[in-house]
Amino acid sequence: MEITRIGVLGVGAIGGLIGGSLARAGYDVTLIDTWAANIEKIKANGITVKTLEEEFTAKATALHLGDVSAAKRSFDIVFLAPAVDFRLFQSAMEKYGHRVGNFRLFGMSDTLEKDDPMAQDFLGKKLASVVYPHSLLYFVSGLLEGREVDTPILGMQRFFDKTDTFNREAYPEVQWAREKFSEHSVWSISDTADGRRSTSRQHGGFDNDETTLVSLRHLIQLGYQP
C-alpha cells in the first residue's frame, strides 16, 4: 500500500530537497527541524527548493523537533547518511520508538567513506585529499562530537561491522543498534533488492543518486521489506 504521510527530520540541503519534492508531488509531508526560525518561515511561506534546473515552493506541515511528541503522529523512518551518534539515537528510540513503524538507513560502505574527501566539491578530489582524505562523517566522528575520538556515528558502517573494537561491553549503544537495525541498513554500493539499492559514492550524494531515489520511491509506493 502506498505511503501518503511522510516526515522529514532535518530540513537542510538534502532534507529540504526531498521533503519539498514530495510535498510538491502531493504527499502529506511533515518537515521537522531544530531551527525554530526555519520552521516558522516554512509555516508562513512554504518550503523553497533551489536546484541547478529549477526553483519551486511547496506547502508542507512544519514542526519544531520539540513539538513532535505533541503531534500524535506515527512515522516510518528513512535515514540518509545520518550524523547522529548512537547514544542520542538509542535515547530517542527508547522514548519514541512506539511511534515508529518501519525503518531504513542508507549509508556508504566504509571503503567509500574513506575515499570521499569532504571538501572535494570545492577543492577537487586531489587537493581535498591532502587537506582531509576522508568523509564528513569521519571528520564529525573523530573531531566534533567532543566526548571521545571515534565517537560512534549511526551513519557509518565501520561501527556496525567492527564488533571487536566497538564491542558490547564498551559500546552497549552500538550493540543495541546492531541487534535492532543491522538488517534494515543499506551500505552503498548495494544492489540487493527493491528498496535496498544505492550507488551513491559521496556522503552528500544520496539525494542526487538516481538508484537511491528509486529505492525511496519504492518504499513510499510499495512499502518496506526487512
Protein backbone atom coordinates (compact mmCIF):
# COMPACT_ATOMS: atom_id res chain seq x y z
CA MET A 1 0.00 0.00 0.00
CA GLU A 2 1.32 3.43 -0.92
CA ILE A 3 2.54 5.62 1.93
CA THR A 4 0.88 9.05 1.79
CA ARG A 5 2.12 10.68 5.01
CA ILE A 6 5.85 11.36 5.26
CA GLY A 7 8.02 13.06 7.87
CA VAL A 8 11.42 14.58 7.02
CA LEU A 9 13.69 15.20 10.01
CA GLY A 10 16.34 17.82 9.24
CA VAL A 11 15.31 20.41 6.66
CA GLY A 12 18.72 21.24 5.25
CA ALA A 13 20.05 20.69 1.75
CA ILE A 14 19.12 17.00 1.49
CA GLY A 15 16.01 17.01 3.67
CA GLY A 16 14.68 20.21 2.12
CA LEU A 17 15.07 18.91 -1.43
CA ILE A 18 13.46 15.56 -0.71
CA GLY A 19 10.71 16.95 1.53
CA GLY A 20 9.88 19.79 -0.85
CA SER A 21 9.79 17.48 -3.86
CA LEU A 22 7.47 15.04 -2.09
CA ALA A 23 5.19 17.87 -0.95
CA ARG A 24 5.00 19.22 -4.50
CA ALA A 25 4.12 15.72 -5.71
CA GLY A 26 1.07 15.73 -3.44
CA TYR A 27 2.20 13.74 -0.41
CA ASP A 28 1.25 14.76 3.12
CA VAL A 29 4.73 15.86 4.26
CA THR A 30 5.71 17.00 7.76
CA LEU A 31 9.06 18.83 7.88
CA ILE A 32 10.82 18.62 11.27
CA ASP A 33 13.81 20.68 12.35
CA THR A 34 15.52 22.07 15.46
CA TRP A 35 15.96 25.52 13.88
CA ALA A 36 12.90 27.46 15.05
CA ALA A 37 13.29 30.33 12.56
CA ASN A 38 13.43 27.87 9.66
CA ILE A 39 10.26 26.14 10.82
CA GLU A 40 8.38 29.43 11.25
CA LYS A 41 9.44 30.53 7.75
CA ILE A 42 8.20 27.27 6.24
CA LYS A 43 4.90 27.60 8.12
CA ALA A 44 4.42 31.09 6.73
CA ASN A 45 5.75 30.71 3.19
CA GLY A 46 6.20 27.03 2.41
CA ILE A 47 9.45 25.24 1.62
CA THR A 48 11.51 26.77 -1.20
CA VAL A 49 13.80 24.41 -3.12
CA LYS A 50 16.54 25.59 -5.48
CA THR A 51 18.39 23.22 -7.79
CA LEU A 52 20.51 23.72 -10.90
CA GLU A 53 17.44 23.02 -13.02
CA GLU A 54 14.65 24.85 -11.21
CA GLU A 55 13.30 26.70 -8.19
CA PHE A 56 9.92 25.97 -6.62
CA THR A 57 7.94 26.44 -3.41
CA ALA A 58 5.66 23.80 -1.89
CA LYS A 59 3.31 23.85 1.08
CA ALA A 60 4.03 21.39 3.89
CA THR A 61 3.33 20.97 7.58
CA ALA A 62 6.32 22.14 9.64
CA LEU A 63 7.13 21.23 13.24
CA HIS A 64 9.93 22.02 15.63
CA LEU A 65 11.52 18.83 16.93
CA GLY A 66 10.25 19.62 20.41
CA ASP A 67 6.66 19.72 19.15
CA VAL A 68 6.73 16.29 17.52
CA SER A 69 5.74 14.45 20.69
CA ALA A 70 2.56 16.53 20.92
CA ALA A 71 1.61 15.97 17.28
CA LYS A 72 0.31 12.41 17.93
CA ARG A 73 1.67 11.18 14.59
CA SER A 74 3.50 7.97 13.81
CA PHE A 75 6.16 7.70 11.13
CA ASP A 76 8.14 5.28 9.05
CA ILE A 77 11.77 6.41 9.06
CA VAL A 78 14.42 6.66 6.34
CA PHE A 79 17.89 7.98 7.25
CA LEU A 80 20.31 9.17 4.54
CA ALA A 81 23.91 9.16 5.85
CA PRO A 82 22.82 10.29 9.35
CA ALA A 83 25.40 12.06 11.54
CA VAL A 84 23.57 11.30 14.80
CA ASP A 85 25.58 9.47 17.45
CA PHE A 86 24.40 6.09 18.72
CA ARG A 87 23.70 7.27 22.27
CA LEU A 88 21.35 10.02 21.14
CA PHE A 89 19.66 7.67 18.68
CA GLN A 90 19.12 4.99 21.33
CA SER A 91 17.75 7.55 23.78
CA ALA A 92 15.29 8.92 21.20
CA MET A 93 14.16 5.47 20.06
CA GLU A 94 13.62 4.22 23.61
CA LYS A 95 11.47 7.27 24.27
CA TYR A 96 9.60 7.49 20.97
CA GLY A 97 10.13 4.10 19.32
CA HIS A 98 6.48 3.18 19.80
CA ARG A 99 5.71 5.92 17.27
CA VAL A 100 7.98 4.37 14.61
CA GLY A 101 6.58 1.90 12.11
CA ASN A 102 9.31 0.92 9.65
CA PHE A 103 12.98 1.92 9.47
CA ARG A 104 15.57 2.08 6.69
CA LEU A 105 19.09 3.55 6.84
CA PHE A 106 21.18 4.39 3.76
CA GLY A 107 24.91 4.99 4.20
CA MET A 108 28.18 4.43 2.38
CA SER A 109 30.40 1.40 2.79
CA ASP A 110 33.46 2.11 4.89
CA THR A 111 35.65 1.70 1.79
CA LEU A 112 33.82 4.54 0.04
CA GLU A 113 33.65 6.60 3.25
CA LYS A 114 37.45 6.57 3.42
CA ASP A 115 37.70 7.65 -0.22
CA ASP A 116 35.32 10.62 0.00
CA PRO A 117 37.38 13.75 0.86
CA MET A 118 34.83 16.05 2.45
CA ALA A 119 35.99 19.21 0.64
CA GLN A 120 36.28 17.71 -2.84
CA ASP A 121 33.28 19.61 -4.22
CA PHE A 122 35.17 22.86 -3.53
CA LEU A 123 38.83 21.90 -3.92
CA GLY A 124 38.76 18.93 -6.24
CA LYS A 125 39.48 15.40 -5.02
CA LYS A 126 43.27 15.55 -5.30
CA LEU A 127 43.74 18.74 -3.25
CA ALA A 128 40.93 17.87 -0.84
CA SER A 129 42.63 14.55 -0.09
CA VAL A 130 45.66 16.47 1.15
CA VAL A 131 43.52 18.68 3.41
CA TYR A 132 41.44 15.79 4.84
CA PRO A 133 41.19 12.48 2.96
CA HIS A 134 38.00 11.00 4.39
CA SER A 135 34.29 11.80 4.51
CA LEU A 136 32.41 14.37 6.56
CA LEU A 137 31.19 11.63 8.91
CA TYR A 138 34.77 10.57 9.63
CA PHE A 139 35.54 14.19 10.47
CA VAL A 140 32.48 14.54 12.72
CA SER A 141 33.16 11.25 14.48
CA GLY A 142 36.84 11.95 15.03
CA LEU A 143 36.84 15.63 15.96
CA LEU A 144 33.46 17.28 16.50
CA GLU A 145 31.45 15.15 18.91
CA GLY A 146 33.67 16.13 21.84
CA ARG A 147 33.21 13.12 24.12
CA GLU A 148 35.90 10.91 22.60
CA VAL A 149 37.92 10.25 19.47
CA ASP A 150 35.98 7.93 17.17
CA THR A 151 32.57 8.75 18.62
CA PRO A 152 30.25 6.11 17.10
CA ILE A 153 28.06 7.65 14.39
CA LEU A 154 24.94 5.84 13.20
CA GLY A 155 25.54 6.50 9.50
CA MET A 156 28.95 4.78 9.42
CA GLN A 157 29.26 1.11 8.51
CA ARG A 158 32.50 0.64 10.45
CA PHE A 159 30.73 0.89 13.81
CA PHE A 160 28.27 -1.82 12.84
CA ASP A 161 30.96 -4.13 11.46
CA LYS A 162 33.91 -3.77 13.85
CA THR A 163 32.47 -5.81 16.68
CA ASP A 164 35.85 -6.41 18.37
CA THR A 165 36.79 -2.73 18.61
CA PHE A 166 33.29 -1.39 19.26
CA ASN A 167 32.16 -4.24 21.47
CA ARG A 168 29.14 -4.84 23.64
CA GLU A 169 30.91 -4.03 26.91
CA ALA A 170 32.49 -0.72 25.89
CA TYR A 171 29.77 0.42 23.47
CA PRO A 172 26.41 -1.01 24.57
CA GLU A 173 24.53 1.57 22.49
CA VAL A 174 26.26 0.34 19.32
CA GLN A 175 25.42 -3.28 20.11
CA TRP A 176 21.81 -2.26 20.77
CA ALA A 177 21.59 -0.69 17.31
CA ARG A 178 23.30 -3.67 15.66
CA GLU A 179 20.74 -6.06 17.08
CA LYS A 180 17.75 -3.94 16.13
CA PHE A 181 18.71 -2.25 12.87
CA SER A 182 21.52 -4.07 11.04
CA GLU A 183 19.10 -5.85 8.73
CA HIS A 184 17.37 -2.54 7.98
CA SER A 185 20.60 -0.80 6.87
CA VAL A 186 21.85 -0.36 3.29
CA TRP A 187 25.53 0.36 2.63
CA SER A 188 26.26 1.77 -0.80
CA ILE A 189 27.06 0.44 -3.28
CA SER A 190 24.17 -2.00 -2.84
CA ASP A 191 22.05 -3.91 -5.35
CA THR A 192 20.38 -6.50 -3.13
CA ALA A 193 16.63 -5.90 -3.53
CA ASP A 194 13.96 -3.31 -4.36
CA GLY A 195 14.02 -0.56 -1.75
CA ARG A 196 17.57 -1.52 -0.76
CA ARG A 197 19.62 -0.24 -3.70
CA SER A 198 22.05 2.68 -3.74
CA THR A 199 25.01 3.72 -5.86
CA SER A 200 25.99 6.91 -4.03
CA ARG A 201 29.76 7.37 -3.81
CA GLN A 202 29.70 10.58 -1.75
CA HIS A 203 28.32 11.41 1.68
CA GLY A 204 26.29 14.27 0.18
CA GLY A 205 25.26 12.37 -2.92
CA PHE A 206 22.30 10.30 -1.77
CA ASP A 207 19.70 12.91 -2.70
CA ASN A 208 21.12 13.08 -6.25
CA ASP A 209 21.73 9.37 -6.70
CA GLU A 210 19.06 8.01 -9.04
CA THR A 211 19.34 4.47 -7.65
CA THR A 212 18.75 5.70 -4.09
CA LEU A 213 15.81 7.81 -5.24
CA VAL A 214 14.28 4.76 -6.96
CA SER A 215 14.62 2.91 -3.64
CA LEU A 216 12.90 5.74 -1.79
CA ARG A 217 10.13 5.74 -4.37
CA HIS A 218 9.71 2.00 -3.86
CA LEU A 219 9.41 2.42 -0.08
CA ILE A 220 6.82 5.16 -0.48
CA GLN A 221 4.73 3.41 -3.12
CA LEU A 222 5.05 -0.26 -2.16
CA GLY A 223 6.18 -0.27 1.47
CA TYR A 224 9.07 -1.79 3.38
CA GLN A 225 10.58 -5.24 3.47
CA PRO A 226 13.18 -6.44 6.01
